[in-house]
Amino acid sequence: MGKIVPFRKPSLKEKAKAHTLCKNGFHKWKMVTKQPFDVKQGRLVTLFRCTRCGKEKNKAI
């Protein structure tokens, strides 16, 4: 017979944390490494993606 593994159900606070933060503008930006930079109109442009919701933004350096 196998072991019984206790299953902990995530609280509503934990479930809504990421959604609420991004909804209020507090994204967790991370630079996309597949495409390190792009040249656009003579400037370097870096692509950032939010790790929680997947939204993307460009930043000209």
N, C-alpha and C. Protein backbone atom coordinates (compact mmCIF):
# COMPACT_ATOMS: atom_id res chain seq x y z
N MET A 1 0.84 -1.17 0.00
CA MET A 1 0.00 0.00 0.00
C MET A 1 0.90 1.25 0.00
N GLY A 2 0.48 2.29 -0.69
CA GLY A 2 1.28 3.50 -0.80
C GLY A 2 1.11 4.44 0.38
N LYS A 3 1.98 5.42 0.43
CA LYS A 3 1.91 6.42 1.49
C LYS A 3 0.79 7.42 1.19
N ILE A 4 0.22 7.94 2.22
CA ILE A 4 -0.81 8.97 2.07
C ILE A 4 -0.12 10.32 2.16
N VAL A 5 -0.25 11.10 1.11
CA VAL A 5 0.40 12.41 1.04
C VAL A 5 -0.64 13.46 1.41
N PRO A 6 -0.35 14.28 2.43
CA PRO A 6 -1.31 15.33 2.78
C PRO A 6 -1.35 16.40 1.69
N PHE A 7 -2.54 16.80 1.31
CA PHE A 7 -2.72 17.82 0.27
C PHE A 7 -3.16 19.10 0.94
N ARG A 8 -2.35 20.16 0.74
CA ARG A 8 -2.68 21.45 1.32
C ARG A 8 -3.30 22.33 0.25
N LYS A 9 -4.49 22.76 0.49
CA LYS A 9 -5.21 23.61 -0.45
C LYS A 9 -4.71 25.05 -0.28
N PRO A 10 -4.34 25.74 -1.38
CA PRO A 10 -3.86 27.12 -1.25
C PRO A 10 -4.98 28.04 -0.77
N SER A 11 -4.62 28.97 0.10
CA SER A 11 -5.61 29.91 0.62
C SER A 11 -5.99 30.92 -0.47
N LEU A 12 -7.10 31.58 -0.26
CA LEU A 12 -7.55 32.59 -1.23
C LEU A 12 -6.55 33.73 -1.31
N LYS A 13 -5.90 34.02 -0.20
CA LYS A 13 -4.90 35.09 -0.17
C LYS A 13 -3.72 34.75 -1.09
N GLU A 14 -3.27 33.50 -1.05
CA GLU A 14 -2.16 33.08 -1.90
C GLU A 14 -2.57 33.02 -3.37
N LYS A 15 -3.79 32.59 -3.63
CA LYS A 15 -4.26 32.48 -5.01
C LYS A 15 -4.38 33.85 -5.68
N ALA A 16 -4.84 34.84 -4.93
CA ALA A 16 -5.10 36.16 -5.51
C ALA A 16 -3.90 37.08 -5.48
N LYS A 17 -2.82 36.68 -4.80
CA LYS A 17 -1.68 37.58 -4.62
C LYS A 17 -1.10 38.05 -5.95
N ALA A 18 -0.75 37.13 -6.82
CA ALA A 18 -0.13 37.49 -8.10
C ALA A 18 -1.08 38.29 -8.97
N HIS A 19 -2.33 37.87 -9.04
CA HIS A 19 -3.30 38.54 -9.89
C HIS A 19 -3.54 39.97 -9.41
N THR A 20 -3.67 40.14 -8.10
CA THR A 20 -3.95 41.45 -7.55
C THR A 20 -2.76 42.39 -7.72
N LEU A 21 -1.54 41.88 -7.53
CA LEU A 21 -0.36 42.73 -7.68
C LEU A 21 -0.24 43.25 -9.11
N CYS A 22 -0.37 42.36 -10.09
CA CYS A 22 -0.25 42.79 -11.48
C CYS A 22 -1.40 43.71 -11.89
N LYS A 23 -2.57 43.43 -11.37
CA LYS A 23 -3.74 44.25 -11.70
C LYS A 23 -3.55 45.69 -11.22
N ASN A 24 -2.83 45.86 -10.10
CA ASN A 24 -2.59 47.19 -9.55
C ASN A 24 -1.29 47.82 -10.05
N GLY A 25 -0.61 47.17 -11.01
CA GLY A 25 0.57 47.76 -11.62
C GLY A 25 1.90 47.34 -11.01
N PHE A 26 1.89 46.38 -10.09
CA PHE A 26 3.12 45.93 -9.46
C PHE A 26 3.58 44.63 -10.11
N HIS A 27 4.08 44.74 -11.35
CA HIS A 27 4.54 43.58 -12.10
C HIS A 27 5.92 43.14 -11.61
N LYS A 28 6.28 41.92 -11.93
CA LYS A 28 7.59 41.38 -11.60
C LYS A 28 8.32 41.19 -12.92
N TRP A 29 9.03 42.23 -13.38
CA TRP A 29 9.65 42.23 -14.70
C TRP A 29 10.93 41.42 -14.70
N LYS A 30 11.12 40.66 -15.78
CA LYS A 30 12.34 39.90 -16.00
C LYS A 30 12.72 40.03 -17.48
N MET A 31 13.99 40.23 -17.74
CA MET A 31 14.45 40.42 -19.12
C MET A 31 14.37 39.10 -19.88
N VAL A 32 13.88 39.15 -21.11
CA VAL A 32 13.79 37.97 -21.97
C VAL A 32 15.17 37.71 -22.54
N THR A 33 15.72 36.51 -22.28
CA THR A 33 17.09 36.21 -22.71
C THR A 33 17.15 35.61 -24.10
N LYS A 34 16.03 35.11 -24.63
CA LYS A 34 16.05 34.57 -25.99
C LYS A 34 16.37 35.66 -27.00
N GLN A 35 15.85 36.83 -26.76
CA GLN A 35 16.04 37.97 -27.64
C GLN A 35 16.65 39.09 -26.80
N PRO A 36 17.98 39.11 -26.62
CA PRO A 36 18.60 40.04 -25.68
C PRO A 36 18.34 41.51 -25.98
N PHE A 37 18.36 41.91 -27.25
CA PHE A 37 18.06 43.29 -27.58
C PHE A 37 17.70 43.38 -29.05
N ASP A 38 17.09 44.47 -29.42
CA ASP A 38 16.67 44.71 -30.80
C ASP A 38 17.03 46.16 -31.11
N VAL A 39 17.43 46.41 -32.34
CA VAL A 39 17.76 47.78 -32.73
C VAL A 39 16.54 48.36 -33.42
N LYS A 40 16.03 49.43 -32.84
CA LYS A 40 14.83 50.07 -33.37
C LYS A 40 15.08 51.57 -33.42
N GLN A 41 15.03 52.15 -34.58
CA GLN A 41 15.24 53.58 -34.80
C GLN A 41 16.58 54.03 -34.22
N GLY A 42 17.61 53.20 -34.35
CA GLY A 42 18.94 53.58 -33.92
C GLY A 42 19.20 53.46 -32.43
N ARG A 43 18.25 52.88 -31.66
CA ARG A 43 18.43 52.71 -30.21
C ARG A 43 18.31 51.24 -29.86
N LEU A 44 18.97 50.84 -28.78
CA LEU A 44 18.83 49.47 -28.30
C LEU A 44 17.51 49.35 -27.54
N VAL A 45 16.76 48.30 -27.85
CA VAL A 45 15.47 48.06 -27.20
C VAL A 45 15.52 46.69 -26.53
N THR A 46 15.22 46.64 -25.24
CA THR A 46 15.23 45.39 -24.48
C THR A 46 13.79 44.99 -24.17
N LEU A 47 13.49 43.70 -24.28
CA LEU A 47 12.15 43.19 -24.01
C LEU A 47 12.09 42.63 -22.60
N PHE A 48 11.10 43.07 -21.82
CA PHE A 48 10.86 42.57 -20.47
C PHE A 48 9.51 41.88 -20.42
N ARG A 49 9.41 40.79 -19.65
CA ARG A 49 8.15 40.05 -19.50
C ARG A 49 7.87 39.84 -18.02
N CYS A 50 6.61 40.03 -17.62
CA CYS A 50 6.19 39.81 -16.24
C CYS A 50 6.12 38.31 -15.99
N THR A 51 6.76 37.85 -14.89
CA THR A 51 6.77 36.41 -14.61
C THR A 51 5.43 35.93 -14.07
N ARG A 52 4.60 36.82 -13.56
CA ARG A 52 3.30 36.41 -13.02
C ARG A 52 2.20 36.35 -14.08
N CYS A 53 2.06 37.42 -14.88
CA CYS A 53 0.92 37.47 -15.80
C CYS A 53 1.32 37.34 -17.27
N GLY A 54 2.60 37.53 -17.61
CA GLY A 54 3.04 37.37 -18.99
C GLY A 54 3.00 38.64 -19.83
N LYS A 55 2.64 39.77 -19.23
CA LYS A 55 2.60 41.03 -19.98
C LYS A 55 4.02 41.40 -20.39
N GLU A 56 4.16 42.02 -21.57
CA GLU A 56 5.48 42.40 -22.09
C GLU A 56 5.59 43.90 -22.23
N LYS A 57 6.81 44.40 -22.05
CA LYS A 57 7.08 45.82 -22.29
C LYS A 57 8.46 45.96 -22.90
N ASN A 58 8.65 47.03 -23.67
CA ASN A 58 9.94 47.35 -24.29
C ASN A 58 10.54 48.53 -23.56
N LYS A 59 11.85 48.49 -23.42
CA LYS A 59 12.55 49.59 -22.78
C LYS A 59 13.72 49.98 -23.66
N ALA A 60 13.76 51.25 -24.06
CA ALA A 60 14.85 51.77 -24.87
C ALA A 60 15.98 52.19 -23.95
N ILE A 61 17.16 51.69 -24.25
CA ILE A 61 18.33 52.01 -23.43
C ILE A 61 19.17 53.05 -24.13
